[in-house]
Amino acid sequence: MDISILQELLGQHALELLTGGALAVCGLAAWAATLMPAPGNASGKGYVIVYAVVNFLAANLGRARNADDAVRKAKKLQ
């Protein structure tokens, strides 16, 4: 798809609209990823797929180095 076609359809601000929309999707996915627990052994395939898609859209392709520390600390508090 040629971007000039979109510019003609949406006017001169087409690129700004697309960029803003992409940033909004990434931001919402990043927020949703913080609320979603990691899939476990009992998780269904649907949840695993949704989890992977949300993390991809959030650009959360890796894990934080201290993620295991945070999990261990939370378990100690329980």
N, C-alpha and C. Protein backbone atom coordinates (compact mmCIF):
# COMPACT_ATOMS: atom_id res chain seq x y z
N MET A 1 0.84 -1.16 0.00
CA MET A 1 0.00 0.00 0.00
C MET A 1 0.90 1.24 0.00
N ASP A 2 0.59 2.16 -0.87
CA ASP A 2 1.37 3.38 -0.99
C ASP A 2 0.83 4.43 -0.02
N ILE A 3 1.72 5.08 0.69
CA ILE A 3 1.30 6.06 1.70
C ILE A 3 0.70 7.31 1.06
N SER A 4 1.04 7.59 -0.19
CA SER A 4 0.48 8.77 -0.84
C SER A 4 -1.03 8.63 -1.05
N ILE A 5 -1.50 7.41 -1.22
CA ILE A 5 -2.94 7.18 -1.33
C ILE A 5 -3.62 7.55 -0.02
N LEU A 6 -3.02 7.15 1.09
CA LEU A 6 -3.58 7.51 2.40
C LEU A 6 -3.55 9.01 2.61
N GLN A 7 -2.49 9.66 2.16
CA GLN A 7 -2.41 11.11 2.31
C GLN A 7 -3.50 11.81 1.51
N GLU A 8 -3.81 11.31 0.35
CA GLU A 8 -4.88 11.90 -0.45
C GLU A 8 -6.23 11.68 0.21
N LEU A 9 -6.44 10.48 0.79
CA LEU A 9 -7.71 10.18 1.43
C LEU A 9 -7.91 10.96 2.73
N LEU A 10 -6.88 11.07 3.52
CA LEU A 10 -7.00 11.67 4.85
C LEU A 10 -6.56 13.13 4.89
N GLY A 11 -5.99 13.63 3.84
CA GLY A 11 -5.52 15.01 3.84
C GLY A 11 -4.05 15.08 4.19
N GLN A 12 -3.60 16.26 4.46
CA GLN A 12 -2.17 16.47 4.67
C GLN A 12 -1.68 15.97 6.02
N HIS A 13 -2.56 15.65 6.93
CA HIS A 13 -2.15 15.20 8.25
C HIS A 13 -2.23 13.68 8.40
N ALA A 14 -2.18 12.95 7.31
CA ALA A 14 -2.32 11.50 7.36
C ALA A 14 -1.19 10.85 8.15
N LEU A 15 0.02 11.29 7.93
CA LEU A 15 1.15 10.68 8.62
C LEU A 15 1.07 10.94 10.12
N GLU A 16 0.64 12.13 10.51
CA GLU A 16 0.50 12.44 11.92
C GLU A 16 -0.59 11.57 12.56
N LEU A 17 -1.68 11.33 11.83
CA LEU A 17 -2.75 10.48 12.35
C LEU A 17 -2.29 9.04 12.52
N LEU A 18 -1.57 8.54 11.53
CA LEU A 18 -1.07 7.17 11.61
C LEU A 18 -0.05 7.01 12.73
N THR A 19 0.83 7.98 12.86
CA THR A 19 1.84 7.92 13.92
C THR A 19 1.19 8.00 15.29
N GLY A 20 0.24 8.91 15.45
CA GLY A 20 -0.46 9.04 16.72
C GLY A 20 -1.24 7.79 17.06
N GLY A 21 -1.87 7.18 16.07
CA GLY A 21 -2.61 5.94 16.30
C GLY A 21 -1.69 4.80 16.70
N ALA A 22 -0.55 4.70 16.03
CA ALA A 22 0.40 3.64 16.36
C ALA A 22 0.95 3.83 17.78
N LEU A 23 1.23 5.07 18.15
CA LEU A 23 1.72 5.33 19.51
C LEU A 23 0.65 5.04 20.55
N ALA A 24 -0.59 5.34 20.23
CA ALA A 24 -1.69 5.06 21.16
C ALA A 24 -1.85 3.55 21.36
N VAL A 25 -1.77 2.78 20.29
CA VAL A 25 -1.88 1.32 20.38
C VAL A 25 -0.74 0.76 21.22
N CYS A 26 0.48 1.22 20.98
CA CYS A 26 1.63 0.75 21.76
C CYS A 26 1.50 1.13 23.23
N GLY A 27 1.02 2.32 23.48
CA GLY A 27 0.85 2.76 24.87
C GLY A 27 -0.20 1.95 25.60
N LEU A 28 -1.33 1.71 24.95
CA LEU A 28 -2.38 0.91 25.57
C LEU A 28 -1.93 -0.53 25.78
N ALA A 29 -1.20 -1.06 24.83
CA ALA A 29 -0.70 -2.43 24.98
C ALA A 29 0.33 -2.51 26.11
N ALA A 30 1.16 -1.48 26.25
CA ALA A 30 2.13 -1.47 27.35
C ALA A 30 1.42 -1.42 28.69
N TRP A 31 0.37 -0.63 28.78
CA TRP A 31 -0.41 -0.55 30.02
C TRP A 31 -1.08 -1.90 30.30
N ALA A 32 -1.68 -2.50 29.27
CA ALA A 32 -2.35 -3.80 29.46
C ALA A 32 -1.35 -4.87 29.86
N ALA A 33 -0.14 -4.81 29.33
CA ALA A 33 0.87 -5.82 29.66
C ALA A 33 1.25 -5.77 31.13
N THR A 34 1.17 -4.58 31.74
CA THR A 34 1.51 -4.49 33.15
C THR A 34 0.44 -5.14 34.03
N LEU A 35 -0.76 -5.26 33.53
CA LEU A 35 -1.86 -5.82 34.30
C LEU A 35 -2.05 -7.32 34.11
N MET A 36 -1.45 -7.86 33.07
CA MET A 36 -1.65 -9.27 32.72
C MET A 36 -0.60 -10.15 33.40
N PRO A 37 -1.04 -11.18 34.12
CA PRO A 37 -0.06 -12.11 34.69
C PRO A 37 0.52 -13.00 33.59
N ALA A 38 1.73 -13.43 33.80
CA ALA A 38 2.37 -14.32 32.83
C ALA A 38 1.60 -15.63 32.75
N PRO A 39 1.47 -16.19 31.56
CA PRO A 39 0.76 -17.46 31.44
C PRO A 39 1.50 -18.58 32.16
N GLY A 40 0.73 -19.44 32.79
CA GLY A 40 1.31 -20.57 33.51
C GLY A 40 0.96 -21.87 32.81
N ASN A 41 1.19 -22.95 33.51
CA ASN A 41 0.91 -24.27 32.94
C ASN A 41 -0.58 -24.49 32.71
N ALA A 42 -1.42 -23.86 33.53
CA ALA A 42 -2.86 -24.06 33.42
C ALA A 42 -3.51 -23.08 32.45
N SER A 43 -2.75 -22.18 31.86
CA SER A 43 -3.31 -21.19 30.94
C SER A 43 -3.69 -21.85 29.62
N GLY A 44 -4.79 -21.36 29.07
CA GLY A 44 -5.24 -21.87 27.78
C GLY A 44 -4.43 -21.28 26.63
N LYS A 45 -4.57 -21.88 25.47
CA LYS A 45 -3.83 -21.41 24.29
C LYS A 45 -4.27 -20.01 23.89
N GLY A 46 -5.55 -19.70 24.07
CA GLY A 46 -6.06 -18.38 23.72
C GLY A 46 -5.38 -17.28 24.53
N TYR A 47 -5.24 -17.53 25.84
CA TYR A 47 -4.60 -16.52 26.69
C TYR A 47 -3.12 -16.36 26.34
N VAL A 48 -2.46 -17.45 26.02
CA VAL A 48 -1.05 -17.39 25.65
C VAL A 48 -0.89 -16.57 24.37
N ILE A 49 -1.78 -16.73 23.42
CA ILE A 49 -1.71 -15.97 22.17
C ILE A 49 -1.98 -14.49 22.43
N VAL A 50 -3.02 -14.19 23.21
CA VAL A 50 -3.33 -12.80 23.54
C VAL A 50 -2.16 -12.16 24.28
N TYR A 51 -1.57 -12.89 25.22
CA TYR A 51 -0.43 -12.39 25.98
C TYR A 51 0.73 -12.07 25.05
N ALA A 52 1.00 -12.94 24.11
CA ALA A 52 2.11 -12.72 23.17
C ALA A 52 1.85 -11.53 22.27
N VAL A 53 0.62 -11.37 21.78
CA VAL A 53 0.28 -10.25 20.91
C VAL A 53 0.39 -8.93 21.66
N VAL A 54 -0.15 -8.89 22.88
CA VAL A 54 -0.08 -7.66 23.68
C VAL A 54 1.37 -7.29 23.96
N ASN A 55 2.20 -8.26 24.31
CA ASN A 55 3.61 -7.97 24.56
C ASN A 55 4.33 -7.53 23.30
N PHE A 56 3.97 -8.07 22.16
CA PHE A 56 4.58 -7.64 20.90
C PHE A 56 4.19 -6.20 20.59
N LEU A 57 2.89 -5.87 20.71
CA LEU A 57 2.44 -4.51 20.44
C LEU A 57 3.03 -3.51 21.43
N ALA A 58 3.30 -3.96 22.64
CA ALA A 58 3.87 -3.10 23.66
C ALA A 58 5.39 -2.97 23.50
N ALA A 59 5.95 -3.65 22.52
CA ALA A 59 7.40 -3.68 22.30
C ALA A 59 8.09 -4.23 23.53
N ASN A 60 7.44 -5.15 24.19
CA ASN A 60 7.97 -5.80 25.38
C ASN A 60 8.51 -7.17 24.97
N LEU A 61 9.51 -7.14 24.12
CA LEU A 61 10.01 -8.38 23.54
C LEU A 61 10.95 -9.13 24.47
N GLY A 62 11.55 -8.42 25.41
CA GLY A 62 12.42 -9.05 26.40
C GLY A 62 11.82 -8.87 27.77
N ARG A 63 12.52 -9.32 28.75
CA ARG A 63 12.06 -9.18 30.12
C ARG A 63 13.08 -8.33 30.88
N ALA A 64 12.61 -7.64 31.88
CA ALA A 64 13.51 -6.86 32.71
C ALA A 64 14.44 -7.79 33.48
N ARG A 65 15.65 -7.34 33.70
CA ARG A 65 16.62 -8.19 34.40
C ARG A 65 16.18 -8.50 35.82
N ASN A 66 15.48 -7.57 36.45
CA ASN A 66 15.10 -7.76 37.84
C ASN A 66 13.68 -8.30 38.00
N ALA A 67 13.08 -8.82 36.96
CA ALA A 67 11.71 -9.32 37.05
C ALA A 67 11.62 -10.48 38.03
N ASP A 68 12.59 -11.37 38.03
CA ASP A 68 12.58 -12.50 38.97
C ASP A 68 12.73 -12.02 40.40
N ASP A 69 13.52 -10.96 40.62
CA ASP A 69 13.68 -10.42 41.96
C ASP A 69 12.35 -9.88 42.49
N ALA A 70 11.59 -9.21 41.63
CA ALA A 70 10.31 -8.66 42.05
C ALA A 70 9.33 -9.78 42.41
N VAL A 71 9.35 -10.86 41.66
CA VAL A 71 8.46 -12.00 41.95
C VAL A 71 8.85 -12.63 43.28
N ARG A 72 10.14 -12.83 43.50
CA ARG A 72 10.60 -13.42 44.76
C ARG A 72 10.24 -12.53 45.95
N LYS A 73 10.39 -11.23 45.79
CA LYS A 73 10.08 -10.29 46.87
C LYS A 73 8.60 -10.32 47.19
N ALA A 74 7.75 -10.39 46.16
CA ALA A 74 6.31 -10.45 46.38
C ALA A 74 5.91 -11.74 47.10
N LYS A 75 6.57 -12.85 46.78
CA LYS A 75 6.26 -14.11 47.43
C LYS A 75 6.68 -14.10 48.89
N LYS A 76 7.80 -13.42 49.21
CA LYS A 76 8.25 -13.33 50.58
C LYS A 76 7.26 -12.53 51.45
N LEU A 77 6.60 -11.54 50.83
CA LEU A 77 5.68 -10.70 51.57
C LEU A 77 4.37 -11.42 51.88
N GLN A 78 4.08 -12.48 51.17
CA GLN A 78 2.80 -13.19 51.37
C GLN A 78 2.83 -14.09 52.54
